[in-house]
């Protein structure tokens, strides 16, 4: 992911709130402090397919916005 971002590709990390600090720290340490985070509610594991689809409905607009912003 980091290498793709460094090559100029549109990338992001999908993450839940308990992992936000870890994600931002790792991105900074690995040289891409501007790596976008697509935030979803925690947890993801143990959910029904319908609950996972709910997380997708939250993440998808964020991903679309990242792509649109990058292409402008």
Protein backbone atom coordinates (compact mmCIF):
# COMPACT_ATOMS: atom_id res chain seq x y z
CA UNK A 1 0.00 0.00 0.00
CA UNK A 2 2.71 2.45 0.99
CA UNK A 3 4.73 1.76 -2.16
CA UNK A 4 1.64 2.27 -4.31
CA UNK A 5 0.94 5.59 -2.62
CA UNK A 6 4.54 6.70 -3.09
CA UNK A 7 4.17 5.91 -6.80
CA UNK A 8 1.24 8.30 -7.01
CA UNK A 9 -1.63 5.83 -7.08
CA UNK A 10 -4.88 6.56 -5.26
CA UNK A 11 -4.74 4.58 -2.03
CA UNK A 12 -6.37 4.57 1.38
CA UNK A 13 -6.60 2.40 4.46
CA UNK A 14 -9.98 1.25 5.70
CA UNK A 15 -9.85 1.25 9.46
CA UNK A 16 -12.01 1.41 12.56
CA UNK A 17 -11.66 3.92 15.40
CA UNK A 18 -9.55 1.76 17.75
CA UNK A 19 -6.91 1.52 15.02
CA UNK A 20 -6.90 5.18 13.91
CA UNK A 21 -3.83 6.16 15.95
CA UNK A 22 -1.91 3.06 14.83
CA UNK A 23 -2.79 3.73 11.19
CA UNK A 24 -1.74 7.39 11.28
CA UNK A 25 1.46 6.56 13.15
CA UNK A 26 2.42 3.79 10.72
CA UNK A 27 1.66 5.99 7.71
CA UNK A 28 3.87 8.75 9.12
CA UNK A 29 6.71 6.37 10.04
CA UNK A 30 6.57 4.76 6.58
CA UNK A 31 6.80 8.13 4.85
CA UNK A 32 3.23 8.85 3.76
CA UNK A 33 1.71 10.99 6.50
CA UNK A 34 -1.06 12.10 4.14
CA UNK A 35 -2.34 8.55 3.58
CA UNK A 36 -6.13 8.83 3.73
CA UNK A 37 -8.07 6.76 6.25
CA UNK A 38 -11.53 5.52 5.38
CA UNK A 39 -13.18 5.16 8.76
CA UNK A 40 -15.76 2.54 9.66
CA UNK A 41 -17.32 1.54 12.97
CA UNK A 42 -15.66 -1.11 15.07
CA UNK A 43 -15.81 -4.10 15.11
CA UNK A 44 -15.82 -5.74 11.71
CA UNK A 45 -15.17 -9.32 12.77
CA UNK A 46 -18.10 -11.47 13.80
CA UNK A 47 -20.67 -9.38 11.94
CA UNK A 48 -23.47 -10.67 9.76
CA UNK A 49 -23.27 -9.98 6.04
CA UNK A 50 -25.94 -7.32 6.47
CA UNK A 51 -23.86 -5.55 9.11
CA UNK A 52 -20.79 -5.70 6.89
CA UNK A 53 -22.84 -4.25 4.05
CA UNK A 54 -23.72 -1.39 6.43
CA UNK A 55 -20.03 -0.70 6.94
CA UNK A 56 -19.58 -0.72 3.15
CA UNK A 57 -22.32 1.89 2.80
CA UNK A 58 -20.34 4.13 5.16
CA UNK A 59 -16.96 3.50 3.50
CA UNK A 60 -18.02 3.74 -0.13
CA UNK A 61 -18.85 7.48 -0.21
CA UNK A 62 -15.50 8.19 1.45
CA UNK A 63 -13.67 6.17 -1.21
CA UNK A 64 -15.58 7.86 -4.03
CA UNK A 65 -14.74 11.29 -2.56
CA UNK A 66 -11.05 10.38 -2.35
CA UNK A 67 -11.02 9.36 -6.00
CA UNK A 68 -12.93 12.45 -7.15
CA UNK A 69 -10.71 14.79 -5.13
CA UNK A 70 -7.57 13.15 -6.50
CA UNK A 71 -8.74 13.34 -10.12
CA UNK A 72 -9.61 17.04 -9.96
